[in-house]
Amino acid sequence: MDDEYQWQAVAAIIGVFILVTSVIVVLIWTRTTTTRAKAVLSREADYRDLSEAGAKTQQTLLRQLETVNSRLEDVQNRLDGVERILKETE
């Protein structure tokens, strides 16, 4: 009868060991998954911020380019006028 209880005790210890190991593995897995998710969210936020900054910069450059084009057209018109005057005086 004593041998039966020893096997039951060994089986119980093995069962508890497997249960504790399973719980530890699940906790580690959950923590790792949570950490990865936080990292992905942080990275996405950084990319979003970078994208917004790029869009703002692009809009600023577009406005500056429009200003430069406007000034260039004005210079071209003035140069055309000067050329016309020079041709008339020849």
Protein backbone atom coordinates (compact mmCIF):
# COMPACT_ATOMS: atom_id res chain seq x y z
CA MET A 1 0.00 0.00 0.00
CA ASP A 2 2.89 2.33 0.71
CA ASP A 3 4.19 1.93 -2.87
CA GLU A 4 0.85 3.06 -4.30
CA TYR A 5 1.01 6.28 -2.33
CA GLN A 6 4.56 6.90 -3.45
CA TRP A 7 3.56 6.64 -7.10
CA GLN A 8 0.61 8.89 -6.50
CA ALA A 9 2.87 11.41 -4.78
CA VAL A 10 5.35 11.25 -7.67
CA ALA A 11 2.51 11.66 -10.19
CA ALA A 12 1.15 14.62 -8.21
CA ILE A 13 4.57 16.26 -8.05
CA ILE A 14 5.05 15.78 -11.78
CA GLY A 15 1.57 17.19 -12.42
CA VAL A 16 2.23 20.23 -10.25
CA PHE A 17 5.61 20.74 -11.97
CA ILE A 18 3.96 20.59 -15.40
CA LEU A 19 1.23 23.00 -14.24
CA VAL A 20 3.72 25.49 -12.79
CA THR A 21 5.90 25.24 -15.90
CA SER A 22 2.86 25.82 -18.13
CA VAL A 23 1.80 28.87 -16.13
CA ILE A 24 5.34 30.31 -16.28
CA VAL A 25 5.52 29.73 -20.04
CA VAL A 26 2.14 31.40 -20.56
CA LEU A 27 3.15 34.38 -18.42
CA ILE A 28 6.43 34.80 -20.31
CA TRP A 29 4.62 34.44 -23.64
CA THR A 30 2.00 37.02 -22.66
CA ARG A 31 4.60 39.48 -21.43
CA THR A 32 6.66 39.06 -24.60
CA THR A 33 3.59 39.55 -26.79
CA THR A 34 2.60 42.66 -24.85
CA THR A 35 6.11 44.10 -25.13
CA ARG A 36 6.17 43.45 -28.88
CA ALA A 37 2.75 45.08 -29.31
CA LYS A 38 3.92 48.17 -27.41
CA ALA A 39 7.03 48.34 -29.57
CA VAL A 40 4.95 48.09 -32.75
CA LEU A 41 2.60 50.83 -31.55
CA SER A 42 5.53 53.05 -30.65
CA ARG A 43 7.14 52.45 -34.03
CA GLU A 44 3.87 53.21 -35.83
CA ALA A 45 3.50 56.44 -33.86
CA ASP A 46 7.05 57.42 -34.81
CA TYR A 47 6.36 56.67 -38.48
CA ARG A 48 3.13 58.68 -38.30
CA ASP A 49 4.97 61.64 -36.76
CA LEU A 50 7.69 61.35 -39.40
CA SER A 51 5.08 61.19 -42.14
CA GLU A 52 3.26 64.26 -40.80
CA ALA A 53 6.55 66.18 -40.57
CA GLY A 54 7.37 65.16 -44.14
CA ALA A 55 3.96 66.31 -45.35
CA LYS A 56 4.35 69.68 -43.61
CA THR A 57 7.81 70.12 -45.09
CA GLN A 58 6.50 69.22 -48.53
CA GLN A 59 3.72 71.80 -48.23
CA THR A 60 6.22 74.45 -47.13
CA LEU A 61 8.48 73.62 -50.07
CA LEU A 62 5.51 73.75 -52.43
CA ARG A 63 4.61 77.24 -51.21
CA GLN A 64 8.21 78.37 -51.57
CA LEU A 65 8.38 76.89 -55.06
CA GLU A 66 5.21 78.74 -56.04
CA THR A 67 6.77 81.99 -54.78
CA VAL A 68 9.97 81.33 -56.72
CA ASN A 69 7.98 80.51 -59.87
CA SER A 70 5.99 83.71 -59.48
CA ARG A 71 9.17 85.77 -59.13
CA LEU A 72 10.77 83.96 -62.06
CA GLU A 73 7.74 84.76 -64.24
CA ASP A 74 8.05 88.40 -63.20
CA VAL A 75 11.76 88.44 -64.10
CA GLN A 76 11.00 86.72 -67.42
CA ASN A 77 8.35 89.34 -68.23
CA ARG A 78 10.75 92.15 -67.41
CA LEU A 79 13.48 90.56 -69.52
CA ASP A 80 11.04 90.21 -72.42
CA GLY A 81 10.25 93.93 -72.06
CA VAL A 82 13.93 94.87 -72.05
CA GLU A 83 14.56 92.72 -75.15
CA ARG A 84 11.63 94.34 -76.91
CA ILE A 85 12.95 97.81 -76.08
CA LEU A 86 16.43 96.88 -77.30
CA LYS A 87 15.03 95.53 -80.59
CA GLU A 88 13.02 98.71 -81.10
CA THR A 89 16.06 100.92 -80.58
CA GLU A 90 18.23 99.03 -83.08
